Amino acid sequence: MTSDAALPTEDHTGGPRRQKRVPFTARIVLSHPGGETEYPRTVDISMKGVFVRTVRPLPLGTAGRFALLLEAGMRRERIEGAYEVVRVVPVDDGFSDAETGAGMAVKFGAVDPESSLLLYDVVRYNQYP
């Protein structure tokens, strides 16, 4: 787990974040022009996006549909909607840190209505007290 001090405080444009990110690990499937790719590990999440840890990120600007796969015991849920890759952190850029590492920032576009409340609950219940 990361501490609040370790969480990024700026968005991909260098400005302050408008949405708080919370630590959260889940699998995510991203559809893209070349098909679909499942990534086994997200690092953190907010109402507006998620950071996906991977050494093979999709290109900046890639857009499509996402499915965040939530599993707790026998319960299986999916948060679905549109996405765009807004930041890519390569393995050897010198900026990847021990907490987030290499990967990509995925910005959520329109989240399906039935997924919106579930996303809110995920963010809310994973915040530090």
N, C-alpha and C. Protein backbone atom coordinates (compact mmCIF):
# COMPACT_ATOMS: atom_id res chain seq x y z
N MET A 1 0.83 -1.19 0.00
CA MET A 1 0.00 0.00 0.00
C MET A 1 0.88 1.25 0.00
N THR A 2 0.36 2.30 -0.59
CA THR A 2 1.09 3.55 -0.61
C THR A 2 0.52 4.50 0.42
N SER A 3 1.31 5.49 0.78
CA SER A 3 0.79 6.51 1.68
C SER A 3 0.30 7.67 0.84
N ASP A 4 -0.48 8.57 1.46
CA ASP A 4 -0.98 9.74 0.73
C ASP A 4 0.16 10.54 0.14
N ALA A 5 1.29 10.62 0.84
CA ALA A 5 2.42 11.40 0.35
C ALA A 5 2.99 10.81 -0.92
N ALA A 6 2.85 9.49 -1.12
CA ALA A 6 3.41 8.85 -2.30
C ALA A 6 2.48 8.91 -3.50
N LEU A 7 1.22 9.23 -3.28
CA LEU A 7 0.28 9.29 -4.39
C LEU A 7 0.55 10.51 -5.25
N PRO A 8 0.44 10.38 -6.57
CA PRO A 8 0.66 11.53 -7.44
C PRO A 8 -0.32 12.65 -7.11
N THR A 9 0.18 13.89 -7.16
CA THR A 9 -0.68 15.03 -6.85
C THR A 9 -0.90 15.91 -8.06
N GLU A 10 -0.38 15.50 -9.21
CA GLU A 10 -0.58 16.27 -10.43
C GLU A 10 -1.18 15.38 -11.50
N ASP A 11 -1.94 15.99 -12.41
CA ASP A 11 -2.48 15.22 -13.52
C ASP A 11 -1.47 15.18 -14.65
N HIS A 12 -1.82 14.58 -15.78
CA HIS A 12 -0.88 14.41 -16.89
C HIS A 12 -0.47 15.73 -17.53
N THR A 13 -1.17 16.82 -17.25
CA THR A 13 -0.82 18.12 -17.82
C THR A 13 0.08 18.91 -16.89
N GLY A 14 0.38 18.36 -15.71
CA GLY A 14 1.20 19.06 -14.74
C GLY A 14 0.40 19.88 -13.75
N GLY A 15 -0.92 19.94 -13.95
CA GLY A 15 -1.78 20.70 -13.04
C GLY A 15 -2.22 19.84 -11.88
N PRO A 16 -2.87 20.46 -10.89
CA PRO A 16 -3.31 19.70 -9.72
C PRO A 16 -4.44 18.73 -10.07
N ARG A 17 -4.45 17.59 -9.40
CA ARG A 17 -5.52 16.61 -9.61
C ARG A 17 -6.82 17.14 -9.03
N ARG A 18 -7.90 16.88 -9.73
CA ARG A 18 -9.21 17.25 -9.21
C ARG A 18 -9.88 16.10 -8.50
N GLN A 19 -9.42 14.87 -8.76
CA GLN A 19 -9.99 13.69 -8.13
C GLN A 19 -8.91 12.98 -7.32
N LYS A 20 -9.22 12.65 -6.08
CA LYS A 20 -8.28 11.93 -5.23
C LYS A 20 -8.15 10.49 -5.72
N ARG A 21 -6.92 10.01 -5.79
CA ARG A 21 -6.68 8.61 -6.14
C ARG A 21 -6.49 7.82 -4.87
N VAL A 22 -6.96 6.59 -4.89
CA VAL A 22 -6.81 5.70 -3.75
C VAL A 22 -6.15 4.41 -4.22
N PRO A 23 -5.39 3.75 -3.34
CA PRO A 23 -4.76 2.48 -3.73
C PRO A 23 -5.84 1.47 -4.08
N PHE A 24 -5.63 0.75 -5.17
CA PHE A 24 -6.62 -0.25 -5.57
C PHE A 24 -5.98 -1.18 -6.59
N THR A 25 -6.06 -2.47 -6.34
CA THR A 25 -5.51 -3.47 -7.24
C THR A 25 -6.64 -4.31 -7.82
N ALA A 26 -6.69 -4.38 -9.15
CA ALA A 26 -7.69 -5.19 -9.85
C ALA A 26 -7.17 -5.49 -11.25
N ARG A 27 -7.83 -6.40 -11.92
CA ARG A 27 -7.53 -6.66 -13.34
C ARG A 27 -8.37 -5.72 -14.18
N ILE A 28 -7.84 -5.35 -15.35
CA ILE A 28 -8.59 -4.48 -16.25
C ILE A 28 -8.39 -4.99 -17.68
N VAL A 29 -9.46 -4.96 -18.45
CA VAL A 29 -9.42 -5.34 -19.86
C VAL A 29 -9.67 -4.08 -20.67
N LEU A 30 -8.75 -3.80 -21.61
CA LEU A 30 -8.88 -2.63 -22.48
C LEU A 30 -9.04 -3.08 -23.91
N SER A 31 -10.13 -2.65 -24.55
CA SER A 31 -10.29 -2.91 -25.98
C SER A 31 -9.58 -1.78 -26.72
N HIS A 32 -9.00 -2.11 -27.86
CA HIS A 32 -8.25 -1.14 -28.65
C HIS A 32 -8.28 -1.59 -30.10
N PRO A 33 -7.80 -0.77 -31.02
CA PRO A 33 -7.88 -1.15 -32.44
C PRO A 33 -7.26 -2.50 -32.77
N GLY A 34 -6.29 -2.97 -31.97
CA GLY A 34 -5.66 -4.26 -32.23
C GLY A 34 -6.33 -5.43 -31.55
N GLY A 35 -7.42 -5.20 -30.82
CA GLY A 35 -8.13 -6.27 -30.13
C GLY A 35 -8.43 -5.90 -28.69
N GLU A 36 -8.14 -6.83 -27.78
CA GLU A 36 -8.35 -6.63 -26.35
C GLU A 36 -7.11 -7.10 -25.61
N THR A 37 -6.77 -6.37 -24.56
CA THR A 37 -5.64 -6.78 -23.72
C THR A 37 -6.09 -6.74 -22.27
N GLU A 38 -5.78 -7.83 -21.54
CA GLU A 38 -6.06 -7.87 -20.11
C GLU A 38 -4.77 -7.57 -19.35
N TYR A 39 -4.86 -6.65 -18.43
CA TYR A 39 -3.73 -6.28 -17.59
C TYR A 39 -4.05 -6.75 -16.18
N PRO A 40 -3.11 -7.45 -15.53
CA PRO A 40 -3.41 -8.04 -14.23
C PRO A 40 -3.35 -7.10 -13.03
N ARG A 41 -2.84 -5.85 -13.22
CA ARG A 41 -2.66 -5.04 -12.01
C ARG A 41 -2.85 -3.55 -12.22
N THR A 42 -3.85 -3.02 -11.55
CA THR A 42 -3.97 -1.57 -11.42
C THR A 42 -3.28 -1.19 -10.12
N VAL A 43 -2.88 0.07 -10.00
CA VAL A 43 -2.19 0.53 -8.80
C VAL A 43 -3.09 1.42 -7.97
N ASP A 44 -3.73 2.37 -8.61
CA ASP A 44 -4.64 3.26 -7.90
C ASP A 44 -5.79 3.65 -8.81
N ILE A 45 -6.83 4.22 -8.20
CA ILE A 45 -8.04 4.52 -8.95
C ILE A 45 -8.68 5.79 -8.41
N SER A 46 -9.39 6.49 -9.27
CA SER A 46 -10.22 7.64 -8.87
C SER A 46 -11.51 7.54 -9.69
N MET A 47 -12.39 8.47 -9.49
CA MET A 47 -13.62 8.49 -10.28
C MET A 47 -13.34 8.80 -11.75
N LYS A 48 -12.17 9.35 -12.03
CA LYS A 48 -11.85 9.76 -13.41
C LYS A 48 -10.86 8.86 -14.12
N GLY A 49 -10.26 7.88 -13.41
CA GLY A 49 -9.29 7.04 -14.10
C GLY A 49 -8.56 6.09 -13.18
N VAL A 50 -7.59 5.40 -13.78
CA VAL A 50 -6.84 4.37 -13.08
C VAL A 50 -5.43 4.30 -13.66
N PHE A 51 -4.45 3.94 -12.82
CA PHE A 51 -3.09 3.71 -13.33
C PHE A 51 -2.91 2.21 -13.45
N VAL A 52 -2.48 1.77 -14.64
CA VAL A 52 -2.30 0.36 -14.93
C VAL A 52 -0.81 0.08 -14.98
N ARG A 53 -0.34 -0.81 -14.13
CA ARG A 53 1.08 -1.18 -14.14
C ARG A 53 1.33 -2.18 -15.25
N THR A 54 2.25 -1.85 -16.15
CA THR A 54 2.62 -2.74 -17.24
C THR A 54 3.91 -2.25 -17.88
N VAL A 55 4.69 -3.17 -18.41
CA VAL A 55 5.88 -2.79 -19.17
C VAL A 55 5.56 -2.66 -20.66
N ARG A 56 4.32 -2.98 -21.03
CA ARG A 56 3.87 -2.86 -22.42
C ARG A 56 2.60 -2.02 -22.50
N PRO A 57 2.71 -0.71 -22.24
CA PRO A 57 1.52 0.13 -22.29
C PRO A 57 1.03 0.34 -23.72
N LEU A 58 -0.24 0.67 -23.82
CA LEU A 58 -0.79 1.04 -25.12
C LEU A 58 -0.27 2.44 -25.48
N PRO A 59 -0.26 2.79 -26.75
CA PRO A 59 0.21 4.12 -27.15
C PRO A 59 -0.65 5.24 -26.57
N LEU A 60 -0.02 6.36 -26.30
CA LEU A 60 -0.71 7.55 -25.84
C LEU A 60 -1.83 7.89 -26.80
N GLY A 61 -3.01 8.20 -26.28
CA GLY A 61 -4.15 8.56 -27.12
C GLY A 61 -5.03 7.38 -27.50
N THR A 62 -4.59 6.14 -27.23
CA THR A 62 -5.43 4.98 -27.53
C THR A 62 -6.74 5.10 -26.76
N ALA A 63 -7.84 4.81 -27.42
CA ALA A 63 -9.15 4.91 -26.80
C ALA A 63 -9.98 3.68 -27.14
N GLY A 64 -10.95 3.39 -26.31
CA GLY A 64 -11.82 2.25 -26.53
C GLY A 64 -12.70 2.03 -25.32
N ARG A 65 -13.04 0.78 -25.08
CA ARG A 65 -13.87 0.39 -23.94
C ARG A 65 -13.00 -0.32 -22.90
N PHE A 66 -13.36 -0.16 -21.62
CA PHE A 66 -12.65 -0.86 -20.56
C PHE A 66 -13.64 -1.67 -19.74
N ALA A 67 -13.11 -2.69 -19.09
CA ALA A 67 -13.86 -3.46 -18.09
C ALA A 67 -12.92 -3.71 -16.92
N LEU A 68 -13.22 -3.10 -15.80
CA LEU A 68 -12.46 -3.31 -14.57
C LEU A 68 -13.10 -4.50 -13.87
N LEU A 69 -12.32 -5.54 -13.64
CA LEU A 69 -12.84 -6.80 -13.12
C LEU A 69 -12.63 -6.87 -11.62
N LEU A 70 -13.71 -6.89 -10.86
CA LEU A 70 -13.66 -6.91 -9.40
C LEU A 70 -14.04 -8.30 -8.92
N GLU A 71 -13.23 -8.83 -8.01
CA GLU A 71 -13.50 -10.16 -7.47
C GLU A 71 -13.31 -10.12 -5.97
N ALA A 72 -14.31 -10.59 -5.24
CA ALA A 72 -14.23 -10.72 -3.80
C ALA A 72 -14.93 -12.01 -3.42
N GLY A 73 -14.16 -13.03 -3.08
CA GLY A 73 -14.75 -14.34 -2.79
C GLY A 73 -15.46 -14.87 -4.03
N MET A 74 -16.72 -15.21 -3.88
CA MET A 74 -17.51 -15.72 -5.01
C MET A 74 -18.14 -14.60 -5.84
N ARG A 75 -18.08 -13.38 -5.34
CA ARG A 75 -18.72 -12.25 -6.02
C ARG A 75 -17.83 -11.73 -7.14
N ARG A 76 -18.43 -11.50 -8.30
CA ARG A 76 -17.75 -10.97 -9.47
C ARG A 76 -18.54 -9.78 -9.99
N GLU A 77 -17.87 -8.64 -10.15
CA GLU A 77 -18.51 -7.43 -10.66
C GLU A 77 -17.63 -6.85 -11.76
N ARG A 78 -18.23 -6.02 -12.62
CA ARG A 78 -17.50 -5.33 -13.68
C ARG A 78 -17.90 -3.87 -13.70
N ILE A 79 -16.89 -3.02 -13.80
CA ILE A 79 -17.13 -1.60 -14.03
C ILE A 79 -16.74 -1.38 -15.48
N GLU A 80 -17.68 -0.87 -16.29
CA GLU A 80 -17.43 -0.74 -17.72
C GLU A 80 -17.68 0.67 -18.22
N GLY A 81 -16.97 1.03 -19.28
CA GLY A 81 -17.16 2.34 -19.88
C GLY A 81 -16.11 2.60 -20.95
N ALA A 82 -15.98 3.86 -21.32
CA ALA A 82 -15.02 4.28 -22.33
C ALA A 82 -13.74 4.76 -21.64
N TYR A 83 -12.62 4.71 -22.36
CA TYR A 83 -11.36 5.15 -21.79
C TYR A 83 -10.47 5.79 -22.85
N GLU A 84 -9.43 6.48 -22.37
CA GLU A 84 -8.35 6.99 -23.22
C GLU A 84 -7.06 6.92 -22.42
N VAL A 85 -5.97 6.50 -23.07
CA VAL A 85 -4.65 6.50 -22.44
C VAL A 85 -4.12 7.93 -22.49
N VAL A 86 -3.90 8.54 -21.31
CA VAL A 86 -3.50 9.95 -21.26
C VAL A 86 -2.05 10.14 -20.80
N ARG A 87 -1.42 9.07 -20.31
CA ARG A 87 -0.02 9.18 -19.91
C ARG A 87 0.61 7.80 -19.98
N VAL A 88 1.83 7.75 -20.49
CA VAL A 88 2.58 6.50 -20.57
C VAL A 88 3.89 6.69 -19.82
N VAL A 89 4.20 5.77 -18.91
CA VAL A 89 5.45 5.81 -18.16
C VAL A 89 6.26 4.57 -18.58
N PRO A 90 7.25 4.75 -19.46
CA PRO A 90 8.05 3.60 -19.90
C PRO A 90 8.97 3.10 -18.78
N VAL A 91 9.48 1.90 -18.95
CA VAL A 91 10.34 1.28 -17.95
C VAL A 91 11.59 2.11 -17.71
N ASP A 92 12.19 2.64 -18.73
CA ASP A 92 13.50 3.28 -18.61
C ASP A 92 13.47 4.80 -18.70
N ASP A 93 12.39 5.43 -18.31
CA ASP A 93 12.32 6.89 -18.46
C ASP A 93 12.95 7.64 -17.29
N GLY A 94 13.29 6.94 -16.21
CA GLY A 94 13.88 7.60 -15.06
C GLY A 94 12.86 8.22 -14.13
N PHE A 95 11.59 8.26 -14.54
CA PHE A 95 10.55 8.85 -13.70
C PHE A 95 9.70 7.79 -13.00
N SER A 96 9.79 6.56 -13.44
CA SER A 96 8.98 5.55 -12.78
C SER A 96 9.55 5.31 -11.38
N ASP A 97 8.67 5.32 -10.39
CA ASP A 97 9.11 5.14 -9.02
C ASP A 97 8.73 3.75 -8.52
N ALA A 98 9.17 3.43 -7.35
CA ALA A 98 8.93 2.10 -6.80
C ALA A 98 7.46 1.82 -6.56
N GLU A 99 6.67 2.86 -6.35
CA GLU A 99 5.25 2.65 -6.05
C GLU A 99 4.42 2.36 -7.30
N THR A 100 4.46 3.27 -8.28
CA THR A 100 3.63 3.06 -9.47
C THR A 100 4.38 2.30 -10.55
N GLY A 101 5.64 2.57 -10.75
CA GLY A 101 6.43 1.88 -11.76
C GLY A 101 5.98 2.23 -13.16
N ALA A 102 6.42 1.42 -14.11
CA ALA A 102 6.07 1.63 -15.50
C ALA A 102 4.60 1.30 -15.72
N GLY A 103 4.00 1.98 -16.69
CA GLY A 103 2.60 1.69 -16.98
C GLY A 103 1.94 2.81 -17.73
N MET A 104 0.63 2.94 -17.53
CA MET A 104 -0.13 3.96 -18.25
C MET A 104 -1.28 4.47 -17.39
N ALA A 105 -1.55 5.76 -17.55
CA ALA A 105 -2.70 6.37 -16.90
C ALA A 105 -3.86 6.29 -17.87
N VAL A 106 -4.94 5.69 -17.42
CA VAL A 106 -6.13 5.50 -18.23
C VAL A 106 -7.23 6.41 -17.68
N LYS A 107 -7.67 7.33 -18.51
CA LYS A 107 -8.74 8.26 -18.12
C LYS A 107 -10.07 7.66 -18.53
N PHE A 108 -11.01 7.63 -17.58
CA PHE A 108 -12.34 7.13 -17.89
C PHE A 108 -13.12 8.19 -18.64
N GLY A 109 -13.82 7.77 -19.68
CA GLY A 109 -14.76 8.64 -20.37
C GLY A 109 -16.12 8.37 -19.76
N ALA A 110 -17.09 8.11 -20.58
CA ALA A 110 -18.43 7.79 -20.09
C ALA A 110 -18.41 6.41 -19.44
N VAL A 111 -18.75 6.37 -18.15
CA VAL A 111 -18.87 5.10 -17.43
C VAL A 111 -20.32 4.67 -17.52
N ASP A 112 -20.54 3.41 -17.84
CA ASP A 112 -21.90 2.90 -17.95
C ASP A 112 -22.68 3.21 -16.67
N PRO A 113 -23.95 3.61 -16.79
CA PRO A 113 -24.74 4.01 -15.61
C PRO A 113 -24.74 2.97 -14.49
N GLU A 114 -24.88 1.71 -14.83
CA GLU A 114 -24.93 0.69 -13.79
C GLU A 114 -23.57 0.50 -13.11
N SER A 115 -22.49 0.94 -13.76
CA SER A 115 -21.15 0.84 -13.19
C SER A 115 -20.76 2.04 -12.35
N SER A 116 -21.42 3.16 -12.58
CA SER A 116 -21.04 4.40 -11.92
C SER A 116 -21.11 4.32 -10.40
N LEU A 117 -22.17 3.76 -9.86
CA LEU A 117 -22.31 3.63 -8.41
C LEU A 117 -21.26 2.66 -7.85
N LEU A 118 -21.00 1.60 -8.55
CA LEU A 118 -20.00 0.64 -8.12
C LEU A 118 -18.62 1.29 -8.08
N LEU A 119 -18.29 2.09 -9.09
CA LEU A 119 -17.02 2.82 -9.12
C LEU A 119 -16.94 3.77 -7.93
N TYR A 120 -18.01 4.48 -7.66
CA TYR A 120 -18.06 5.39 -6.51
C TYR A 120 -17.77 4.63 -5.21
N ASP A 121 -18.39 3.47 -5.05
CA ASP A 121 -18.18 2.66 -3.85
C ASP A 121 -16.73 2.19 -3.73
N VAL A 122 -16.14 1.78 -4.84
CA VAL A 122 -14.74 1.34 -4.82
C VAL A 122 -13.84 2.47 -4.34
N VAL A 123 -14.01 3.66 -4.89
CA VAL A 123 -13.18 4.80 -4.50
C VAL A 123 -13.44 5.18 -3.05
N ARG A 124 -14.70 5.24 -2.68
CA ARG A 124 -15.07 5.66 -1.33
C ARG A 124 -14.53 4.70 -0.26
N TYR A 125 -14.71 3.41 -0.47
CA TYR A 125 -14.34 2.44 0.56
C TYR A 125 -12.86 2.09 0.58
N ASN A 126 -12.07 2.58 -0.36
CA ASN A 126 -10.63 2.34 -0.35
C ASN A 126 -9.83 3.57 0.07
N GLN A 127 -10.52 4.62 0.50
CA GLN A 127 -9.84 5.81 1.00
C GLN A 127 -9.30 5.53 2.39
N TYR A 128 -8.24 6.27 2.70
CA TYR A 128 -7.69 6.18 4.06
C TYR A 128 -8.67 6.83 5.03
N PRO A 129 -8.76 6.31 6.26
CA PRO A 129 -9.68 6.91 7.24
C PRO A 129 -9.29 8.32 7.62
